[in-house]
Amino acid sequence: MDRRQTSAAARRSLDRTLALFRPAPRHPPAKGWIRALRDALGMTAEQLGDRMGISQPSVQRLEQSEASGTIQLGSLRKAAAALDCEVVYALVPRRSLQETYQAAALRVARRELGLIDHTMALEDQAVGDEDDDERLKQFIAEELDPRELWGRRS
């Protein structure tokens, strides 16, 4: 399996895995998940602090740091454990990885082929427009290296 096939297989696999997370809430509760769960369980900050081995003011600082987006992952895991929860951490693409890859590949292929077409036209060897889609597909399949795609300006 070459690099393109390996990359495509990885995108398909991750797209299947991450599709499970797409319906997940996009925004946490206004005061954060720790506070929302603690309130829903009827647990005071002092009680959560006792379960975490920290003071009540430290729980409040932890909740504030989560609400402001500055909490550390390790602290979130400790709070989750004290609330009998799991931290689910994932970067969920806005669209499938295959769609993201294909859009970037098309931008690069159009630019690269445009440069080639311009050079060919200057040499009076212009290429017709009738095969553009096929040329793009072939260029992407044969010329674009997935690792180089993101380094090229598009």
Foldseek 3Di string as FASTA:
>chain_A
DDQVVVVVVVLVVVLVVLVVCVVPDPDAPQQGDLVVLCVVVVHQLQRLCVLLVHHSVVSVVQSNCRNVVNHDPVVVQSSQVSSVHHDDDDDRDPDRPVVVLVVLLLVVLVVVVVVVQVVCVVVVNHDDPPCVVVSSVCCSVPPDRSVCSVVDDD
